[in-house]
Amino acid sequence: MPKMKTNRGAAKRFRKTASGGFKCSHSHRRHILTKKSTKRKRQLRATGALHASDVKSASRLMPYV
């Protein structure tokens, strides 16, 4: 049986936490930043947690993480 492959797109987007969840960065921080408030951009800087309903599929995409 060959090894399972890690989905490279998911590996670049998610990191595993110690408790078994996944953390990810927020969207809407790439361009058109002039119209967004400083508060909004500052809050998007922090990492967010992947929703509990998506953790199972994310862990399936990254079997060795």
PDB file of N, CA and C in Angstrom:
ATOM      1  N   MET A   1       0.849  -1.187   0.000  1.00  0.00           N
ATOM      2  CA  MET A   1       0.000   0.000   0.000  1.00  0.00           C
ATOM      3  C   MET A   1       0.893   1.249   0.000  1.00  0.00           C
ATOM      4  N   PRO A   2       0.719   2.147  -0.951  1.00  0.00           N
ATOM      5  CA  PRO A   2       1.552   3.352  -0.972  1.00  0.00           C
ATOM      6  C   PRO A   2       1.141   4.348   0.113  1.00  0.00           C
ATOM      7  N   LYS A   3       2.045   5.251   0.387  1.00  0.00           N
ATOM      8  CA  LYS A   3       1.754   6.299   1.362  1.00  0.00           C
ATOM      9  C   LYS A   3       0.670   7.225   0.821  1.00  0.00           C
ATOM     10  N   MET A   4      -0.099   7.822   1.739  1.00  0.00           N
ATOM     11  CA  MET A   4      -1.083   8.823   1.343  1.00  0.00           C
ATOM     12  C   MET A   4      -0.365  10.143   1.108  1.00  0.00           C
ATOM     13  N   LYS A   5      -0.850  10.925   0.176  1.00  0.00           N
ATOM     14  CA  LYS A   5      -0.230  12.216  -0.114  1.00  0.00           C
ATOM     15  C   LYS A   5      -0.934  13.332   0.652  1.00  0.00           C
ATOM     16  N   THR A   6      -0.138  14.266   1.128  1.00  0.00           N
ATOM     17  CA  THR A   6      -0.665  15.470   1.760  1.00  0.00           C
ATOM     18  C   THR A   6      -1.136  16.422   0.672  1.00  0.00           C
ATOM     19  N   ASN A   7      -2.309  16.987   0.847  1.00  0.00           N
ATOM     20  CA  ASN A   7      -2.808  17.997  -0.078  1.00  0.00           C
ATOM     21  C   ASN A   7      -1.998  19.273   0.126  1.00  0.00           C
ATOM     22  N   ARG A   8      -1.250  19.684  -0.877  1.00  0.00           N
ATOM     23  CA  ARG A   8      -0.321  20.806  -0.729  1.00  0.00           C
ATOM     24  C   ARG A   8      -1.048  22.134  -0.539  1.00  0.00           C
ATOM     25  N   GLY A   9      -2.225  22.278  -1.120  1.00  0.00           N
ATOM     26  CA  GLY A   9      -2.999  23.502  -0.920  1.00  0.00           C
ATOM     27  C   GLY A   9      -3.427  23.660   0.531  1.00  0.00           C
ATOM     28  N   ALA A  10      -3.843  22.556   1.147  1.00  0.00           N
ATOM     29  CA  ALA A  10      -4.259  22.593   2.550  1.00  0.00           C
ATOM     30  C   ALA A  10      -3.062  22.791   3.472  1.00  0.00           C
ATOM     31  N   ALA A  11      -1.926  22.209   3.116  1.00  0.00           N
ATOM     32  CA  ALA A  11      -0.727  22.334   3.952  1.00  0.00           C
ATOM     33  C   ALA A  11      -0.235  23.773   4.010  1.00  0.00           C
ATOM     34  N   LYS A  12      -0.467  24.537   2.944  1.00  0.00           N
ATOM     35  CA  LYS A  12      -0.052  25.937   2.920  1.00  0.00           C
ATOM     36  C   LYS A  12      -1.038  26.841   3.660  1.00  0.00           C
ATOM     37  N   ARG A  13      -2.260  26.372   3.869  1.00  0.00           N
ATOM     38  CA  ARG A  13      -3.290  27.210   4.472  1.00  0.00           C
ATOM     39  C   ARG A  13      -3.525  26.949   5.956  1.00  0.00           C
ATOM     40  N   PHE A  14      -3.325  25.730   6.410  1.00  0.00           N
ATOM     41  CA  PHE A  14      -3.668  25.357   7.780  1.00  0.00           C
ATOM     42  C   PHE A  14      -2.456  24.875   8.547  1.00  0.00           C
ATOM     43  N   ARG A  15      -2.488  25.093   9.876  1.00  0.00           N
ATOM     44  CA  ARG A  15      -1.486  24.549  10.787  1.00  0.00           C
ATOM     45  C   ARG A  15      -2.246  23.833  11.898  1.00  0.00           C
ATOM     46  N   LYS A  16      -1.705  22.703  12.337  1.00  0.00           N
ATOM     47  CA  LYS A  16      -2.348  21.931  13.392  1.00  0.00           C
ATOM     48  C   LYS A  16      -2.025  22.538  14.757  1.00  0.00           C
ATOM     49  N   THR A  17      -3.014  22.588  15.646  1.00  0.00           N
ATOM     50  CA  THR A  17      -2.788  23.078  17.005  1.00  0.00           C
ATOM     51  C   THR A  17      -2.535  21.884  17.929  1.00  0.00           C
ATOM     52  N   ALA A  18      -2.075  22.157  19.121  1.00  0.00           N
ATOM     53  CA  ALA A  18      -1.744  21.092  20.065  1.00  0.00           C
ATOM     54  C   ALA A  18      -2.982  20.323  20.513  1.00  0.00           C
ATOM     55  N   SER A  19      -4.127  20.992  20.528  1.00  0.00           N
ATOM     56  CA  SER A  19      -5.355  20.330  20.972  1.00  0.00           C
ATOM     57  C   SER A  19      -6.053  19.563  19.856  1.00  0.00           C
ATOM     58  N   GLY A  20      -5.485  19.583  18.653  1.00  0.00           N
ATOM     59  CA  GLY A  20      -6.058  18.806  17.558  1.00  0.00           C
ATOM     60  C   GLY A  20      -6.858  19.603  16.558  1.00  0.00           C
ATOM     61  N   GLY A  21      -7.018  20.898  16.787  1.00  0.00           N
ATOM     62  CA  GLY A  21      -7.730  21.742  15.847  1.00  0.00           C
ATOM     63  C   GLY A  21      -6.793  22.267  14.774  1.00  0.00           C
ATOM     64  N   PHE A  22      -7.304  23.185  13.971  1.00  0.00           N
ATOM     65  CA  PHE A  22      -6.487  23.798  12.931  1.00  0.00           C
ATOM     66  C   PHE A  22      -6.617  25.308  13.018  1.00  0.00           C
ATOM     67  N   LYS A  23      -5.503  26.001  12.821  1.00  0.00           N
ATOM     68  CA  LYS A  23      -5.550  27.458  12.744  1.00  0.00           C
ATOM     69  C   LYS A  23      -5.271  27.884  11.312  1.00  0.00           C
ATOM     70  N   CYS A  24      -5.846  29.015  10.929  1.00  0.00           N
ATOM     71  CA  CYS A  24      -5.703  29.504   9.564  1.00  0.00           C
ATOM     72  C   CYS A  24      -5.733  31.031   9.598  1.00  0.00           C
ATOM     73  N   SER A  25      -5.242  31.632   8.526  1.00  0.00           N
ATOM     74  CA  SER A  25      -5.257  33.089   8.459  1.00  0.00           C
ATOM     75  C   SER A  25      -6.555  33.560   7.832  1.00  0.00           C
ATOM     76  N   HIS A  26      -6.890  34.806   8.073  1.00  0.00           N
ATOM     77  CA  HIS A  26      -8.129  35.381   7.557  1.00  0.00           C
ATOM     78  C   HIS A  26      -7.991  35.779   6.090  1.00  0.00           C
ATOM     79  N   SER A  27      -9.114  35.906   5.438  1.00  0.00           N
ATOM     80  CA  SER A  27      -9.136  36.393   4.061  1.00  0.00           C
ATOM     81  C   SER A  27      -9.303  37.914   4.057  1.00  0.00           C
ATOM     82  N   HIS A  28      -9.360  38.508   2.886  1.00  0.00           N
ATOM     83  CA  HIS A  28      -9.576  39.954   2.669  1.00  0.00           C
ATOM     84  C   HIS A  28      -8.411  40.813   3.138  1.00  0.00           C
ATOM     85  N   ARG A  29      -7.181  40.303   3.058  1.00  0.00           N
ATOM     86  CA  ARG A  29      -6.027  41.098   3.453  1.00  0.00           C
ATOM     87  C   ARG A  29      -5.028  41.292   2.312  1.00  0.00           C
ATOM     88  N   ARG A  30      -5.391  40.951   1.071  1.00  0.00           N
ATOM     89  CA  ARG A  30      -4.440  40.944  -0.027  1.00  0.00           C
ATOM     90  C   ARG A  30      -4.369  42.271  -0.789  1.00  0.00           C
ATOM     91  N   HIS A  31      -5.515  42.826  -1.126  1.00  0.00           N
ATOM     92  CA  HIS A  31      -5.515  44.043  -1.940  1.00  0.00           C
ATOM     93  C   HIS A  31      -6.751  44.866  -1.598  1.00  0.00           C
ATOM     94  N   ILE A  32      -6.843  46.070  -2.185  1.00  0.00           N
ATOM     95  CA  ILE A  32      -7.901  47.058  -1.891  1.00  0.00           C
ATOM     96  C   ILE A  32      -7.953  47.328  -0.381  1.00  0.00           C
ATOM     97  N   LEU A  33      -6.797  47.689   0.163  1.00  0.00           N
ATOM     98  CA  LEU A  33      -6.695  47.895   1.599  1.00  0.00           C
ATOM     99  C   LEU A  33      -6.971  49.333   2.015  1.00  0.00           C
ATOM    100  N   THR A  34      -7.038  50.249   1.057  1.00  0.00           N
ATOM    101  CA  THR A  34      -7.204  51.660   1.415  1.00  0.00           C
ATOM    102  C   THR A  34      -8.593  51.950   1.960  1.00  0.00           C
ATOM    103  N   LYS A  35      -9.596  51.256   1.459  1.00  0.00           N
ATOM    104  CA  LYS A  35     -10.957  51.521   1.931  1.00  0.00           C
ATOM    105  C   LYS A  35     -11.300  50.789   3.227  1.00  0.00           C
ATOM    106  N   LYS A  36     -10.451  49.846   3.633  1.00  0.00           N
ATOM    107  CA  LYS A  36     -10.700  49.104   4.863  1.00  0.00           C
ATOM    108  C   LYS A  36     -10.100  49.847   6.045  1.00  0.00           C
ATOM    109  N   SER A  37     -10.806  49.809   7.173  1.00  0.00           N
ATOM    110  CA  SER A  37     -10.349  50.552   8.342  1.00  0.00           C
ATOM    111  C   SER A  37      -9.124  49.886   8.963  1.00  0.00           C
ATOM    112  N   THR A  38      -8.386  50.688   9.716  1.00  0.00           N
ATOM    113  CA  THR A  38      -7.186  50.185  10.376  1.00  0.00           C
ATOM    114  C   THR A  38      -7.538  49.091  11.372  1.00  0.00           C
ATOM    115  N   LYS A  39      -8.656  49.257  12.052  1.00  0.00           N
ATOM    116  CA  LYS A  39      -9.100  48.260  13.024  1.00  0.00           C
ATOM    117  C   LYS A  39      -9.398  46.926  12.346  1.00  0.00           C
ATOM    118  N   ARG A  40     -10.061  47.006  11.209  1.00  0.00           N
ATOM    119  CA  ARG A  40     -10.415  45.787  10.468  1.00  0.00           C
ATOM    120  C   ARG A  40      -9.172  45.047   9.984  1.00  0.00           C
ATOM    121  N   LYS A  41      -8.207  45.805   9.448  1.00  0.00           N
ATOM    122  CA  LYS A  41      -6.971  45.195   8.953  1.00  0.00           C
ATOM    123  C   LYS A  41      -6.150  44.601  10.096  1.00  0.00           C
ATOM    124  N   ARG A  42      -6.149  45.260  11.234  1.00  0.00           N
ATOM    125  CA  ARG A  42      -5.413  44.772  12.397  1.00  0.00           C
ATOM    126  C   ARG A  42      -6.016  43.475  12.926  1.00  0.00           C
ATOM    127  N   GLN A  43      -7.340  43.385  12.927  1.00  0.00           N
ATOM    128  CA  GLN A  43      -7.995  42.172  13.412  1.00  0.00           C
ATOM    129  C   GLN A  43      -7.845  41.007  12.439  1.00  0.00           C
ATOM    130  N   LEU A  44      -7.708  41.304  11.150  1.00  0.00           N
ATOM    131  CA  LEU A  44      -7.497  40.252  10.161  1.00  0.00           C
ATOM    132  C   LEU A  44      -6.080  39.681  10.219  1.00  0.00           C
ATOM    133  N   ARG A  45      -5.169  40.410  10.866  1.00  0.00           N
ATOM    134  CA  ARG A  45      -3.783  39.980  10.985  1.00  0.00           C
ATOM    135  C   ARG A  45      -3.654  38.717  11.847  1.00  0.00           C
ATOM    136  N   ALA A  46      -4.484  38.605  12.869  1.00  0.00           N
ATOM    137  CA  ALA A  46      -4.411  37.475  13.798  1.00  0.00           C
ATOM    138  C   ALA A  46      -4.923  36.198  13.125  1.00  0.00           C
ATOM    139  N   THR A  47      -4.437  35.072  13.599  1.00  0.00           N
ATOM    140  CA  THR A  47      -4.896  33.796  13.040  1.00  0.00           C
ATOM    141  C   THR A  47      -6.241  33.425  13.658  1.00  0.00           C
ATOM    142  N   GLY A  48      -7.048  32.767  12.861  1.00  0.00           N
ATOM    143  CA  GLY A  48      -8.342  32.292  13.325  1.00  0.00           C
ATOM    144  C   GLY A  48      -8.338  30.780  13.405  1.00  0.00           C
ATOM    145  N   ALA A  49      -9.359  30.235  14.024  1.00  0.00           N
ATOM    146  CA  ALA A  49      -9.484  28.782  14.137  1.00  0.00           C
ATOM    147  C   ALA A  49     -10.439  28.280  13.066  1.00  0.00           C
ATOM    148  N   LEU A  50     -10.121  27.141  12.522  1.00  0.00           N
ATOM    149  CA  LEU A  50     -10.999  26.497  11.557  1.00  0.00           C
ATOM    150  C   LEU A  50     -12.244  26.023  12.294  1.00  0.00           C
ATOM    151  N   HIS A  51     -13.403  26.157  11.667  1.00  0.00           N
ATOM    152  CA  HIS A  51     -14.656  25.763  12.303  1.00  0.00           C
ATOM    153  C   HIS A  51     -14.644  24.269  12.605  1.00  0.00           C
ATOM    154  N   ALA A  52     -15.308  23.881  13.687  1.00  0.00           N
ATOM    155  CA  ALA A  52     -15.293  22.488  14.142  1.00  0.00           C
ATOM    156  C   ALA A  52     -15.834  21.520  13.101  1.00  0.00           C
ATOM    157  N   SER A  53     -16.769  21.976  12.269  1.00  0.00           N
ATOM    158  CA  SER A  53     -17.339  21.094  11.251  1.00  0.00           C
ATOM    159  C   SER A  53     -16.370  20.842  10.101  1.00  0.00           C
ATOM    160  N   ASP A  54     -15.329  21.667   9.951  1.00  0.00           N
ATOM    161  CA  ASP A  54     -14.353  21.508   8.874  1.00  0.00           C
ATOM    162  C   ASP A  54     -13.080  20.785   9.303  1.00  0.00           C
ATOM    163  N   VAL A  55     -12.922  20.517  10.584  1.00  0.00           N
ATOM    164  CA  VAL A  55     -11.686  19.920  11.097  1.00  0.00           C
ATOM    165  C   VAL A  55     -11.494  18.508  10.548  1.00  0.00           C
ATOM    166  N   LYS A  56     -12.561  17.746  10.438  1.00  0.00           N
ATOM    167  CA  LYS A  56     -12.462  16.364   9.964  1.00  0.00           C
ATOM    168  C   LYS A  56     -11.953  16.312   8.527  1.00  0.00           C
ATOM    169  N   SER A  57     -12.485  17.177   7.672  1.00  0.00           N
ATOM    170  CA  SER A  57     -12.053  17.182   6.273  1.00  0.00           C
ATOM    171  C   SER A  57     -10.641  17.717   6.127  1.00  0.00           C
ATOM    172  N   ALA A  58     -10.249  18.672   6.955  1.00  0.00           N
ATOM    173  CA  ALA A  58      -8.887  19.203   6.915  1.00  0.00           C
ATOM    174  C   ALA A  58      -7.869  18.161   7.372  1.00  0.00           C
ATOM    175  N   SER A  59      -8.232  17.377   8.372  1.00  0.00           N
ATOM    176  CA  SER A  59      -7.307  16.343   8.843  1.00  0.00           C
ATOM    177  C   SER A  59      -7.201  15.201   7.828  1.00  0.00           C
ATOM    178  N   ARG A  60      -8.232  15.006   7.031  1.00  0.00           N
ATOM    179  CA  ARG A  60      -8.175  14.003   5.958  1.00  0.00           C
ATOM    180  C   ARG A  60      -7.257  14.467   4.832  1.00  0.00           C
ATOM    181  N   LEU A  61      -7.207  15.771   4.590  1.00  0.00           N
ATOM    182  CA  LEU A  61      -6.336  16.312   3.553  1.00  0.00           C
ATOM    183  C   LEU A  61      -4.872  16.269   3.967  1.00  0.00           C
ATOM    184  N   MET A  62      -4.618  16.288   5.278  1.00  0.00           N
ATOM    185  CA  MET A  62      -3.247  16.280   5.784  1.00  0.00           C
ATOM    186  C   MET A  62      -3.078  15.129   6.762  1.00  0.00           C
ATOM    187  N   PRO A  63      -2.842  13.909   6.284  1.00  0.00           N
ATOM    188  CA  PRO A  63      -2.819  12.750   7.165  1.00  0.00           C
ATOM    189  C   PRO A  63      -1.616  12.680   8.093  1.00  0.00           C
ATOM    190  N   TYR A  64      -0.502  13.311   7.740  1.00  0.00           N
ATOM    191  CA  TYR A  64       0.722  13.173   8.549  1.00  0.00           C
ATOM    192  C   TYR A  64       1.042  14.400   9.370  1.00  0.00           C
ATOM    193  N   VAL A  65       0.106  15.305   9.505  1.00  0.00           N
ATOM    194  CA  VAL A  65       0.348  16.537  10.266  1.00  0.00           C
ATOM    195  C   VAL A  65      -0.185  16.377  11.665  1.00  0.00           C
TER     196      VAL A  65
END
